[in-house]
Amino acid sequence: MSSPDADAPRPRGRYPKGIARRQEILDKAIEVFARRGSQKTSLRAIAQEVGVTHAALTHYFGSLEELLVEVYRESQRKPRGAKQPPAASSPAMAMRASAEENRSIPGLVQLYSTLTAMALEENHPAAQEFITERFARLRAGIAEQVRELQAAGHLRADLDPVLVAALVIAASDGLQTQWLLDDAVDHEAALEMLDRLLRGATPPSA
């Protein structure tokens, strides 16, 4: 849960009123999911909490799966004022900044984990397409960042950029899942340690 999804498809419907109504529903749904995640969720339950009819949700989103995808996608578009890591830091520090921010929105973190789990099942094409494309986009972006940092001498030159990208994503998502299950897990510190390993830096003295 760490990168905006700027290449999202345009919403259903052509008319301004319909687009505005869909956006209003999405904004309210984000608030609901940020508060309670996606546990025990149905379109009827979400409609009741958002304050719209079940028919309205079905009209604008088609299915629960499509709604979950759009809620998470839209939540990532909204700026939340995360602290930006230094430019010379490895991608692990960008993930660390995201992890710090995510502590305030555990419901959306849980929604992301739900979508990832759904993507592994054959009967969830919307989630599978969204998560697969998101991972591919993240890997490409992080790998390019790694190459730039290597060229500037800020990152170890013996590392494969594509593998580093996959490792950083795996570490971030895995630590995030552990934190959801046990909030004593310090995933921010773990990602900071990964940053030092990628830079070949020695740990600070006690």
N, C-alpha and C. Protein backbone atom coordinates (compact mmCIF):
# COMPACT_ATOMS: atom_id res chain seq x y z
N MET A 1 0.83 -1.19 0.00
CA MET A 1 0.00 0.00 0.00
C MET A 1 0.87 1.25 0.00
N SER A 2 1.50 1.52 -1.20
CA SER A 2 2.51 2.53 -1.10
C SER A 2 2.65 3.42 -2.32
N SER A 3 1.85 3.20 -3.34
CA SER A 3 2.05 3.99 -4.55
C SER A 3 0.73 4.35 -5.17
N PRO A 4 0.51 5.63 -5.62
CA PRO A 4 -0.73 6.00 -6.28
C PRO A 4 -0.93 5.23 -7.57
N ASP A 5 -2.17 4.98 -7.90
CA ASP A 5 -2.49 4.24 -9.11
C ASP A 5 -3.03 5.23 -10.13
N ALA A 6 -2.12 5.94 -10.78
CA ALA A 6 -2.50 7.04 -11.65
C ALA A 6 -3.10 6.58 -12.96
N ASP A 7 -2.85 5.35 -13.36
CA ASP A 7 -3.33 4.88 -14.66
C ASP A 7 -4.65 4.15 -14.53
N ALA A 8 -5.47 4.57 -13.59
CA ALA A 8 -6.74 3.90 -13.35
C ALA A 8 -7.70 4.17 -14.50
N PRO A 9 -8.59 3.21 -14.80
CA PRO A 9 -9.58 3.44 -15.84
C PRO A 9 -10.56 4.51 -15.44
N ARG A 10 -11.19 5.16 -16.41
CA ARG A 10 -12.15 6.19 -16.11
C ARG A 10 -13.42 5.57 -15.54
N PRO A 11 -14.11 6.28 -14.66
CA PRO A 11 -15.31 5.72 -14.02
C PRO A 11 -16.42 5.48 -15.01
N ARG A 12 -17.36 4.60 -14.61
CA ARG A 12 -18.51 4.33 -15.45
C ARG A 12 -19.36 5.58 -15.61
N GLY A 13 -20.04 5.67 -16.71
CA GLY A 13 -20.97 6.77 -16.92
C GLY A 13 -20.32 7.96 -17.59
N ARG A 14 -21.09 8.66 -18.41
CA ARG A 14 -20.56 9.79 -19.17
C ARG A 14 -21.02 11.13 -18.62
N TYR A 15 -22.10 11.15 -17.88
CA TYR A 15 -22.71 12.40 -17.51
C TYR A 15 -22.09 12.96 -16.23
N PRO A 16 -21.88 14.29 -16.19
CA PRO A 16 -21.25 14.91 -15.02
C PRO A 16 -21.93 14.58 -13.70
N LYS A 17 -23.28 14.57 -13.68
CA LYS A 17 -23.98 14.27 -12.44
C LYS A 17 -23.69 12.85 -11.97
N GLY A 18 -23.65 11.92 -12.94
CA GLY A 18 -23.36 10.53 -12.58
C GLY A 18 -21.95 10.37 -12.06
N ILE A 19 -20.99 11.06 -12.69
CA ILE A 19 -19.60 10.99 -12.25
C ILE A 19 -19.45 11.60 -10.86
N ALA A 20 -20.13 12.73 -10.64
CA ALA A 20 -20.06 13.39 -9.33
C ALA A 20 -20.69 12.52 -8.25
N ARG A 21 -21.81 11.86 -8.57
CA ARG A 21 -22.47 10.99 -7.59
C ARG A 21 -21.59 9.79 -7.26
N ARG A 22 -20.96 9.23 -8.27
CA ARG A 22 -20.06 8.09 -8.06
C ARG A 22 -18.90 8.50 -7.16
N GLN A 23 -18.35 9.69 -7.40
CA GLN A 23 -17.23 10.18 -6.58
C GLN A 23 -17.66 10.41 -5.14
N GLU A 24 -18.87 10.92 -4.97
CA GLU A 24 -19.40 11.15 -3.62
C GLU A 24 -19.51 9.83 -2.86
N ILE A 25 -20.01 8.80 -3.54
CA ILE A 25 -20.12 7.48 -2.92
C ILE A 25 -18.74 6.94 -2.56
N LEU A 26 -17.78 7.11 -3.49
CA LEU A 26 -16.42 6.63 -3.23
C LEU A 26 -15.82 7.32 -2.01
N ASP A 27 -15.98 8.63 -1.92
CA ASP A 27 -15.42 9.38 -0.80
C ASP A 27 -15.98 8.89 0.53
N LYS A 28 -17.28 8.64 0.57
CA LYS A 28 -17.90 8.14 1.80
C LYS A 28 -17.45 6.71 2.10
N ALA A 29 -17.31 5.90 1.04
CA ALA A 29 -16.88 4.51 1.23
C ALA A 29 -15.46 4.45 1.76
N ILE A 30 -14.60 5.36 1.32
CA ILE A 30 -13.22 5.40 1.82
C ILE A 30 -13.23 5.64 3.32
N GLU A 31 -14.07 6.55 3.79
CA GLU A 31 -14.17 6.83 5.21
C GLU A 31 -14.61 5.58 5.98
N VAL A 32 -15.57 4.86 5.41
CA VAL A 32 -16.07 3.64 6.05
C VAL A 32 -14.97 2.58 6.14
N PHE A 33 -14.27 2.35 5.02
CA PHE A 33 -13.24 1.31 5.01
C PHE A 33 -12.03 1.71 5.84
N ALA A 34 -11.70 2.99 5.89
CA ALA A 34 -10.58 3.44 6.71
C ALA A 34 -10.87 3.16 8.18
N ARG A 35 -12.15 3.21 8.55
CA ARG A 35 -12.54 3.01 9.94
C ARG A 35 -12.63 1.53 10.32
N ARG A 36 -13.16 0.71 9.41
CA ARG A 36 -13.41 -0.67 9.82
C ARG A 36 -12.87 -1.74 8.88
N GLY A 37 -12.19 -1.35 7.80
CA GLY A 37 -11.64 -2.34 6.89
C GLY A 37 -12.71 -3.01 6.08
N SER A 38 -12.39 -4.20 5.57
CA SER A 38 -13.33 -4.89 4.68
C SER A 38 -13.88 -6.17 5.30
N GLN A 39 -13.79 -6.31 6.59
CA GLN A 39 -14.29 -7.51 7.25
C GLN A 39 -15.82 -7.48 7.29
N LYS A 40 -16.40 -8.65 7.13
CA LYS A 40 -17.86 -8.82 7.18
C LYS A 40 -18.54 -7.79 6.28
N THR A 41 -18.08 -7.74 5.05
CA THR A 41 -18.55 -6.73 4.12
C THR A 41 -19.51 -7.32 3.09
N SER A 42 -20.55 -6.60 2.80
CA SER A 42 -21.45 -6.92 1.69
C SER A 42 -21.88 -5.59 1.08
N LEU A 43 -22.36 -5.64 -0.15
CA LEU A 43 -22.81 -4.41 -0.78
C LEU A 43 -23.94 -3.76 0.01
N ARG A 44 -24.83 -4.58 0.56
CA ARG A 44 -25.95 -4.02 1.33
C ARG A 44 -25.45 -3.34 2.60
N ALA A 45 -24.48 -3.97 3.28
CA ALA A 45 -23.95 -3.39 4.51
C ALA A 45 -23.22 -2.08 4.21
N ILE A 46 -22.45 -2.06 3.13
CA ILE A 46 -21.72 -0.84 2.76
C ILE A 46 -22.70 0.25 2.37
N ALA A 47 -23.73 -0.12 1.61
CA ALA A 47 -24.73 0.87 1.19
C ALA A 47 -25.37 1.52 2.40
N GLN A 48 -25.68 0.73 3.41
CA GLN A 48 -26.31 1.26 4.61
C GLN A 48 -25.38 2.24 5.33
N GLU A 49 -24.09 1.88 5.45
CA GLU A 49 -23.14 2.74 6.15
C GLU A 49 -22.82 4.00 5.35
N VAL A 50 -22.77 3.88 4.03
CA VAL A 50 -22.46 5.03 3.18
C VAL A 50 -23.67 5.95 3.06
N GLY A 51 -24.87 5.37 3.21
CA GLY A 51 -26.08 6.17 3.12
C GLY A 51 -26.68 6.22 1.74
N VAL A 52 -26.50 5.13 0.98
CA VAL A 52 -27.10 5.04 -0.35
C VAL A 52 -27.85 3.72 -0.45
N THR A 53 -28.56 3.53 -1.55
CA THR A 53 -29.29 2.28 -1.74
C THR A 53 -28.36 1.21 -2.30
N HIS A 54 -28.76 -0.03 -2.09
CA HIS A 54 -28.02 -1.15 -2.68
C HIS A 54 -28.02 -1.04 -4.20
N ALA A 55 -29.13 -0.58 -4.76
CA ALA A 55 -29.22 -0.43 -6.22
C ALA A 55 -28.22 0.60 -6.74
N ALA A 56 -27.99 1.66 -5.96
CA ALA A 56 -27.04 2.69 -6.39
C ALA A 56 -25.64 2.14 -6.46
N LEU A 57 -25.23 1.37 -5.44
CA LEU A 57 -23.89 0.77 -5.45
C LEU A 57 -23.74 -0.18 -6.63
N THR A 58 -24.76 -0.98 -6.86
CA THR A 58 -24.70 -1.92 -7.98
C THR A 58 -24.61 -1.19 -9.31
N HIS A 59 -25.33 -0.08 -9.42
CA HIS A 59 -25.32 0.70 -10.67
C HIS A 59 -23.94 1.27 -10.95
N TYR A 60 -23.30 1.83 -9.94
CA TYR A 60 -22.03 2.51 -10.16
C TYR A 60 -20.82 1.60 -10.14
N PHE A 61 -20.91 0.45 -9.46
CA PHE A 61 -19.73 -0.39 -9.30
C PHE A 61 -19.91 -1.84 -9.76
N GLY A 62 -21.13 -2.29 -9.94
CA GLY A 62 -21.36 -3.60 -10.51
C GLY A 62 -21.29 -4.74 -9.53
N SER A 63 -20.22 -4.79 -8.72
CA SER A 63 -20.06 -5.90 -7.78
C SER A 63 -19.26 -5.42 -6.58
N LEU A 64 -19.29 -6.21 -5.52
CA LEU A 64 -18.51 -5.90 -4.32
C LEU A 64 -17.03 -5.83 -4.65
N GLU A 65 -16.57 -6.76 -5.45
CA GLU A 65 -15.15 -6.79 -5.81
C GLU A 65 -14.73 -5.51 -6.52
N GLU A 66 -15.52 -5.06 -7.47
CA GLU A 66 -15.19 -3.83 -8.18
C GLU A 66 -15.21 -2.63 -7.24
N LEU A 67 -16.14 -2.61 -6.29
CA LEU A 67 -16.19 -1.52 -5.32
C LEU A 67 -14.92 -1.49 -4.47
N LEU A 68 -14.50 -2.66 -3.99
CA LEU A 68 -13.30 -2.74 -3.16
C LEU A 68 -12.08 -2.22 -3.92
N VAL A 69 -11.96 -2.62 -5.18
CA VAL A 69 -10.84 -2.17 -6.00
C VAL A 69 -10.86 -0.65 -6.15
N GLU A 70 -12.03 -0.10 -6.46
CA GLU A 70 -12.13 1.34 -6.68
C GLU A 70 -11.93 2.14 -5.41
N VAL A 71 -12.40 1.62 -4.28
CA VAL A 71 -12.19 2.31 -3.01
C VAL A 71 -10.70 2.40 -2.70
N TYR A 72 -9.99 1.30 -2.86
CA TYR A 72 -8.56 1.34 -2.58
C TYR A 72 -7.83 2.22 -3.59
N ARG A 73 -8.18 2.09 -4.85
CA ARG A 73 -7.53 2.89 -5.89
C ARG A 73 -7.72 4.38 -5.61
N GLU A 74 -8.94 4.77 -5.28
CA GLU A 74 -9.22 6.18 -5.02
C GLU A 74 -8.53 6.66 -3.75
N SER A 75 -8.45 5.81 -2.74
CA SER A 75 -7.79 6.20 -1.50
C SER A 75 -6.31 6.50 -1.74
N GLN A 76 -5.70 5.82 -2.71
CA GLN A 76 -4.29 6.04 -3.01
C GLN A 76 -4.07 7.33 -3.80
N ARG A 77 -5.12 7.81 -4.46
CA ARG A 77 -4.99 9.07 -5.20
C ARG A 77 -4.97 10.28 -4.27
N LYS A 78 -5.57 10.14 -3.11
CA LYS A 78 -5.74 11.27 -2.21
C LYS A 78 -4.45 11.51 -1.42
N PRO A 79 -3.87 12.71 -1.47
CA PRO A 79 -2.67 13.00 -0.69
C PRO A 79 -2.97 13.00 0.79
N ARG A 80 -2.06 12.40 1.59
CA ARG A 80 -2.27 12.36 3.03
C ARG A 80 -1.09 12.98 3.80
N GLY A 81 -0.21 13.68 3.09
CA GLY A 81 0.84 14.41 3.77
C GLY A 81 1.93 13.53 4.36
N ALA A 82 2.26 12.42 3.69
CA ALA A 82 3.32 11.55 4.20
C ALA A 82 4.66 12.26 4.12
N LYS A 83 5.52 12.00 5.10
CA LYS A 83 6.86 12.56 5.08
C LYS A 83 7.67 11.95 3.95
N GLN A 84 8.37 12.78 3.21
CA GLN A 84 9.17 12.29 2.10
C GLN A 84 10.58 11.95 2.58
N PRO A 85 11.07 10.75 2.24
CA PRO A 85 12.43 10.37 2.63
C PRO A 85 13.46 11.17 1.84
N PRO A 86 14.70 11.27 2.33
CA PRO A 86 15.74 11.96 1.58
C PRO A 86 15.91 11.36 0.19
N ALA A 87 16.29 12.19 -0.78
CA ALA A 87 16.39 11.75 -2.16
C ALA A 87 17.39 10.61 -2.34
N ALA A 88 18.43 10.59 -1.50
CA ALA A 88 19.48 9.58 -1.65
C ALA A 88 19.13 8.26 -0.95
N SER A 89 17.98 8.17 -0.31
CA SER A 89 17.60 6.94 0.38
C SER A 89 17.17 5.87 -0.61
N SER A 90 17.24 4.63 -0.19
CA SER A 90 16.81 3.54 -1.05
C SER A 90 15.29 3.46 -1.07
N PRO A 91 14.70 2.68 -1.99
CA PRO A 91 13.25 2.53 -2.03
C PRO A 91 12.67 2.01 -0.72
N ALA A 92 13.46 1.33 0.08
CA ALA A 92 12.97 0.82 1.36
C ALA A 92 12.54 1.97 2.26
N MET A 93 13.19 3.13 2.14
CA MET A 93 12.83 4.26 2.98
C MET A 93 11.52 4.91 2.52
N ALA A 94 11.24 4.84 1.22
CA ALA A 94 9.94 5.31 0.74
C ALA A 94 8.84 4.43 1.29
N MET A 95 9.09 3.12 1.32
CA MET A 95 8.13 2.20 1.90
C MET A 95 7.99 2.44 3.41
N ARG A 96 9.08 2.81 4.05
CA ARG A 96 9.04 3.10 5.48
C ARG A 96 8.14 4.31 5.75
N ALA A 97 8.27 5.35 4.93
CA ALA A 97 7.42 6.52 5.08
C ALA A 97 5.95 6.15 4.90
N SER A 98 5.68 5.29 3.94
CA SER A 98 4.32 4.83 3.71
C SER A 98 3.81 4.02 4.90
N ALA A 99 4.69 3.17 5.46
CA ALA A 99 4.30 2.35 6.61
C ALA A 99 3.94 3.22 7.80
N GLU A 100 4.70 4.28 7.99
CA GLU A 100 4.42 5.20 9.10
C GLU A 100 3.06 5.86 8.92
N GLU A 101 2.78 6.27 7.69
CA GLU A 101 1.50 6.89 7.38
C GLU A 101 0.35 5.91 7.56
N ASN A 102 0.57 4.66 7.18
CA ASN A 102 -0.49 3.66 7.21
C ASN A 102 -0.96 3.31 8.61
N ARG A 103 -0.17 3.65 9.62
CA ARG A 103 -0.60 3.38 11.00
C ARG A 103 -1.90 4.11 11.34
N SER A 104 -2.18 5.20 10.63
CA SER A 104 -3.39 5.97 10.93
C SER A 104 -4.60 5.49 10.14
N ILE A 105 -4.40 4.56 9.19
CA ILE A 105 -5.51 4.07 8.36
C ILE A 105 -5.49 2.54 8.28
N PRO A 106 -5.53 1.85 9.41
CA PRO A 106 -5.44 0.39 9.38
C PRO A 106 -6.53 -0.28 8.57
N GLY A 107 -7.70 0.36 8.49
CA GLY A 107 -8.78 -0.24 7.71
C GLY A 107 -8.45 -0.35 6.24
N LEU A 108 -7.81 0.67 5.69
CA LEU A 108 -7.42 0.63 4.28
C LEU A 108 -6.25 -0.31 4.05
N VAL A 109 -5.39 -0.44 5.05
CA VAL A 109 -4.30 -1.42 4.97
C VAL A 109 -4.89 -2.82 4.91
N GLN A 110 -5.89 -3.07 5.73
CA GLN A 110 -6.55 -4.37 5.75
C GLN A 110 -7.28 -4.62 4.43
N LEU A 111 -7.86 -3.56 3.84
CA LEU A 111 -8.52 -3.69 2.55
C LEU A 111 -7.53 -4.11 1.47
N TYR A 112 -6.35 -3.50 1.48
CA TYR A 112 -5.32 -3.87 0.51
C TYR A 112 -4.94 -5.35 0.65
N SER A 113 -4.79 -5.81 1.89
CA SER A 113 -4.46 -7.22 2.11
C SER A 113 -5.57 -8.13 1.62
N THR A 114 -6.81 -7.70 1.80
CA THR A 114 -7.95 -8.47 1.31
C THR A 114 -7.93 -8.58 -0.21
N LEU A 115 -7.64 -7.47 -0.88
CA LEU A 115 -7.58 -7.48 -2.34
C LEU A 115 -6.45 -8.37 -2.84
N THR A 116 -5.31 -8.36 -2.15
CA THR A 116 -4.19 -9.21 -2.54
C THR A 116 -4.57 -10.68 -2.41
N ALA A 117 -5.25 -11.03 -1.32
CA ALA A 117 -5.69 -12.41 -1.14
C ALA A 117 -6.72 -12.80 -2.19
N MET A 118 -7.64 -11.89 -2.51
CA MET A 118 -8.64 -12.17 -3.53
C MET A 118 -8.00 -12.40 -4.89
N ALA A 119 -6.91 -11.67 -5.17
CA ALA A 119 -6.25 -11.77 -6.47
C ALA A 119 -5.68 -13.16 -6.73
N LEU A 120 -5.46 -13.92 -5.68
CA LEU A 120 -4.90 -15.27 -5.82
C LEU A 120 -5.97 -16.30 -6.17
N GLU A 121 -7.23 -15.87 -6.14
CA GLU A 121 -8.33 -16.78 -6.44
C GLU A 121 -8.81 -16.56 -7.88
N GLU A 122 -9.21 -17.64 -8.53
CA GLU A 122 -9.57 -17.59 -9.95
C GLU A 122 -10.85 -16.80 -10.21
N ASN A 123 -11.73 -16.73 -9.24
CA ASN A 123 -13.04 -16.11 -9.48
C ASN A 123 -13.08 -14.64 -9.10
N HIS A 124 -11.91 -13.98 -9.05
CA HIS A 124 -11.86 -12.55 -8.73
C HIS A 124 -11.01 -11.82 -9.77
N PRO A 125 -11.51 -11.71 -11.01
CA PRO A 125 -10.70 -11.12 -12.08
C PRO A 125 -10.37 -9.66 -11.86
N ALA A 126 -11.27 -8.87 -11.28
CA ALA A 126 -11.00 -7.45 -11.08
C ALA A 126 -9.85 -7.24 -10.10
N ALA A 127 -9.89 -7.97 -8.99
CA ALA A 127 -8.81 -7.86 -8.00
C ALA A 127 -7.50 -8.39 -8.58
N GLN A 128 -7.58 -9.49 -9.31
CA GLN A 128 -6.37 -10.07 -9.89
C GLN A 128 -5.70 -9.12 -10.87
N GLU A 129 -6.49 -8.51 -11.74
CA GLU A 129 -5.93 -7.56 -12.71
C GLU A 129 -5.33 -6.35 -12.00
N PHE A 130 -6.05 -5.81 -11.03
CA PHE A 130 -5.58 -4.63 -10.32
C PHE A 130 -4.27 -4.89 -9.57
N ILE A 131 -4.22 -5.97 -8.78
CA ILE A 131 -3.04 -6.26 -7.97
C ILE A 131 -1.86 -6.65 -8.86
N THR A 132 -2.11 -7.45 -9.91
CA THR A 132 -1.02 -7.86 -10.80
C THR A 132 -0.40 -6.66 -11.49
N GLU A 133 -1.24 -5.77 -12.01
CA GLU A 133 -0.73 -4.58 -12.68
C GLU A 133 -0.03 -3.64 -11.69
N ARG A 134 -0.55 -3.56 -10.48
CA ARG A 134 0.06 -2.70 -9.47
C ARG A 134 1.46 -3.19 -9.12
N PHE A 135 1.61 -4.50 -8.90
CA PHE A 135 2.93 -5.05 -8.60
C PHE A 135 3.90 -4.79 -9.75
N ALA A 136 3.44 -4.99 -10.98
CA ALA A 136 4.31 -4.78 -12.14
C ALA A 136 4.75 -3.32 -12.22
N ARG A 137 3.83 -2.40 -11.98
CA ARG A 137 4.15 -0.98 -12.03
C ARG A 137 5.12 -0.60 -10.91
N LEU A 138 4.89 -1.12 -9.72
CA LEU A 138 5.79 -0.84 -8.60
C LEU A 138 7.19 -1.37 -8.86
N ARG A 139 7.27 -2.62 -9.37
CA ARG A 139 8.58 -3.19 -9.65
C ARG A 139 9.35 -2.36 -10.67
N ALA A 140 8.65 -1.93 -11.73
CA ALA A 140 9.32 -1.13 -12.76
C ALA A 140 9.79 0.21 -12.21
N GLY A 141 8.95 0.86 -11.43
CA GLY A 141 9.31 2.15 -10.88
C GLY A 141 10.45 2.07 -9.88
N ILE A 142 10.40 1.08 -9.00
CA ILE A 142 11.44 0.93 -8.00
C ILE A 142 12.76 0.53 -8.66
N ALA A 143 12.70 -0.36 -9.65
CA ALA A 143 13.92 -0.78 -10.33
C ALA A 143 14.62 0.41 -10.99
N GLU A 144 13.84 1.31 -11.58
CA GLU A 144 14.42 2.50 -12.19
C GLU A 144 15.05 3.40 -11.13
N GLN A 145 14.37 3.52 -9.99
CA GLN A 145 14.93 4.31 -8.90
C GLN A 145 16.26 3.72 -8.41
N VAL A 146 16.31 2.39 -8.31
CA VAL A 146 17.53 1.72 -7.89
C VAL A 146 18.68 2.02 -8.86
N ARG A 147 18.40 1.95 -10.15
CA ARG A 147 19.44 2.23 -11.15
C ARG A 147 19.98 3.65 -10.99
N GLU A 148 19.08 4.60 -10.75
CA GLU A 148 19.51 5.99 -10.57
C GLU A 148 20.38 6.15 -9.32
N LEU A 149 19.98 5.50 -8.24
CA LEU A 149 20.75 5.59 -7.00
C LEU A 149 22.11 4.90 -7.15
N GLN A 150 22.14 3.80 -7.89
CA GLN A 150 23.42 3.13 -8.14
C GLN A 150 24.35 4.01 -8.96
N ALA A 151 23.80 4.66 -9.98
CA ALA A 151 24.62 5.53 -10.82
C ALA A 151 25.18 6.71 -10.03
N ALA A 152 24.42 7.16 -9.02
CA ALA A 152 24.87 8.28 -8.19
C ALA A 152 25.76 7.84 -7.03
N GLY A 153 25.95 6.52 -6.90
CA GLY A 153 26.80 6.01 -5.83
C GLY A 153 26.13 5.92 -4.47
N HIS A 154 24.79 5.99 -4.44
CA HIS A 154 24.08 5.94 -3.17
C HIS A 154 23.62 4.53 -2.80
N LEU A 155 23.75 3.61 -3.72
CA LEU A 155 23.29 2.24 -3.48
C LEU A 155 24.33 1.27 -4.00
N ARG A 156 24.43 0.13 -3.38
CA ARG A 156 25.41 -0.87 -3.80
C ARG A 156 25.26 -1.19 -5.28
N ALA A 157 26.39 -1.21 -5.99
CA ALA A 157 26.37 -1.42 -7.43
C ALA A 157 26.21 -2.88 -7.82
N ASP A 158 26.38 -3.81 -6.87
CA ASP A 158 26.34 -5.23 -7.20
C ASP A 158 24.93 -5.80 -7.08
N LEU A 159 23.93 -4.97 -6.88
CA LEU A 159 22.56 -5.44 -6.70
C LEU A 159 21.78 -5.39 -8.01
N ASP A 160 21.00 -6.43 -8.26
CA ASP A 160 20.13 -6.45 -9.43
C ASP A 160 18.90 -5.58 -9.15
N PRO A 161 18.69 -4.50 -9.91
CA PRO A 161 17.59 -3.57 -9.62
C PRO A 161 16.22 -4.23 -9.58
N VAL A 162 15.96 -5.16 -10.49
CA VAL A 162 14.64 -5.81 -10.54
C VAL A 162 14.42 -6.67 -9.30
N LEU A 163 15.47 -7.38 -8.87
CA LEU A 163 15.36 -8.20 -7.67
C LEU A 163 15.22 -7.35 -6.41
N VAL A 164 15.92 -6.22 -6.38
CA VAL A 164 15.78 -5.31 -5.25
C VAL A 164 14.34 -4.82 -5.17
N ALA A 165 13.76 -4.47 -6.31
CA ALA A 165 12.37 -4.01 -6.34
C ALA A 165 11.43 -5.06 -5.78
N ALA A 166 11.59 -6.30 -6.23
CA ALA A 166 10.72 -7.37 -5.75
C ALA A 166 10.91 -7.60 -4.26
N LEU A 167 12.15 -7.50 -3.79
CA LEU A 167 12.45 -7.71 -2.37
C LEU A 167 11.84 -6.62 -1.50
N VAL A 168 11.95 -5.38 -1.94
CA VAL A 168 11.41 -4.26 -1.16
C VAL A 168 9.89 -4.37 -1.04
N ILE A 169 9.23 -4.71 -2.15
CA ILE A 169 7.77 -4.87 -2.11
C ILE A 169 7.38 -6.02 -1.20
N ALA A 170 8.09 -7.14 -1.31
CA ALA A 170 7.79 -8.30 -0.47
C ALA A 170 7.98 -7.98 1.00
N ALA A 171 9.06 -7.27 1.31
CA ALA A 171 9.33 -6.92 2.70
C ALA A 171 8.26 -5.98 3.24
N SER A 172 7.90 -4.98 2.45
CA SER A 172 6.90 -4.01 2.89
C SER A 172 5.55 -4.66 3.12
N ASP A 173 5.09 -5.44 2.14
CA ASP A 173 3.78 -6.08 2.26
C ASP A 173 3.76 -7.13 3.37
N GLY A 174 4.83 -7.91 3.47
CA GLY A 174 4.89 -8.93 4.50
C GLY A 174 4.91 -8.35 5.90
N LEU A 175 5.70 -7.30 6.09
CA LEU A 175 5.76 -6.64 7.40
C LEU A 175 4.42 -5.99 7.73
N GLN A 176 3.77 -5.46 6.71
CA GLN A 176 2.47 -4.84 6.92
C GLN A 176 1.44 -5.86 7.40
N THR A 177 1.47 -7.06 6.82
CA THR A 177 0.56 -8.12 7.26
C THR A 177 0.85 -8.52 8.70
N GLN A 178 2.14 -8.65 9.04
CA GLN A 178 2.50 -8.99 10.42
C GLN A 178 2.00 -7.92 11.39
N TRP A 179 2.11 -6.64 10.98
CA TRP A 179 1.66 -5.55 11.85
C TRP A 179 0.15 -5.59 12.05
N LEU A 180 -0.60 -5.96 11.00
CA LEU A 180 -2.05 -6.06 11.15
C LEU A 180 -2.43 -7.11 12.19
N LEU A 181 -1.63 -8.18 12.25
CA LEU A 181 -1.90 -9.26 13.20
C LEU A 181 -1.34 -8.97 14.59
N ASP A 182 -0.27 -8.18 14.65
CA ASP A 182 0.38 -7.88 15.92
C ASP A 182 1.00 -6.49 15.82
N ASP A 183 0.36 -5.49 16.42
CA ASP A 183 0.83 -4.11 16.25
C ASP A 183 2.14 -3.82 16.99
N ALA A 184 2.69 -4.84 17.65
CA ALA A 184 4.00 -4.66 18.27
C ALA A 184 5.13 -4.82 17.25
N VAL A 185 4.81 -5.36 16.07
CA VAL A 185 5.81 -5.52 15.02
C VAL A 185 6.21 -4.14 14.50
N ASP A 186 7.49 -3.82 14.57
CA ASP A 186 7.99 -2.51 14.15
C ASP A 186 8.43 -2.60 12.69
N HIS A 187 7.47 -2.52 11.79
CA HIS A 187 7.82 -2.67 10.37
C HIS A 187 8.59 -1.46 9.85
N GLU A 188 8.44 -0.32 10.49
CA GLU A 188 9.21 0.84 10.07
C GLU A 188 10.70 0.64 10.33
N ALA A 189 11.02 0.13 11.52
CA ALA A 189 12.43 -0.12 11.85
C ALA A 189 13.01 -1.20 10.97
N ALA A 190 12.21 -2.21 10.64
CA ALA A 190 12.70 -3.29 9.78
C ALA A 190 13.03 -2.77 8.39
N LEU A 191 12.19 -1.88 7.86
CA LEU A 191 12.45 -1.32 6.53
C LEU A 191 13.65 -0.37 6.56
N GLU A 192 13.84 0.31 7.68
CA GLU A 192 15.03 1.16 7.82
C GLU A 192 16.30 0.30 7.82
N MET A 193 16.23 -0.87 8.46
CA MET A 193 17.37 -1.78 8.45
C MET A 193 17.64 -2.29 7.04
N LEU A 194 16.57 -2.59 6.29
CA LEU A 194 16.73 -3.03 4.90
C LEU A 194 17.39 -1.93 4.08
N ASP A 195 17.05 -0.69 4.35
CA ASP A 195 17.69 0.43 3.65
C ASP A 195 19.20 0.42 3.89
N ARG A 196 19.61 0.19 5.13
CA ARG A 196 21.05 0.17 5.43
C ARG A 196 21.74 -0.98 4.71
N LEU A 197 21.08 -2.12 4.63
CA LEU A 197 21.66 -3.28 3.94
C LEU A 197 21.82 -2.99 2.46
N LEU A 198 20.83 -2.35 1.87
CA LEU A 198 20.91 -2.04 0.44
C LEU A 198 21.99 -1.02 0.14
N ARG A 199 22.22 -0.11 1.08
CA ARG A 199 23.26 0.90 0.88
C ARG A 199 24.63 0.40 1.29
N GLY A 200 24.68 -0.77 1.96
CA GLY A 200 25.94 -1.28 2.43
C GLY A 200 26.47 -0.50 3.59
N ALA A 201 25.57 0.15 4.32
CA ALA A 201 25.98 0.98 5.45
C ALA A 201 26.08 0.15 6.72
N THR A 202 26.94 0.55 7.60
CA THR A 202 27.07 -0.13 8.90
C THR A 202 25.99 0.40 9.83
N PRO A 203 25.45 -0.45 10.71
CA PRO A 203 24.40 0.00 11.63
C PRO A 203 24.95 1.01 12.61
N PRO A 204 24.10 1.92 13.10
CA PRO A 204 24.57 2.91 14.07
C PRO A 204 24.97 2.25 15.38
N SER A 205 25.96 2.80 16.02
CA SER A 205 26.44 2.24 17.29
C SER A 205 25.44 2.50 18.39
N ALA A 206 25.38 1.57 19.34
CA ALA A 206 24.42 1.70 20.44
C ALA A 206 24.82 2.83 21.36
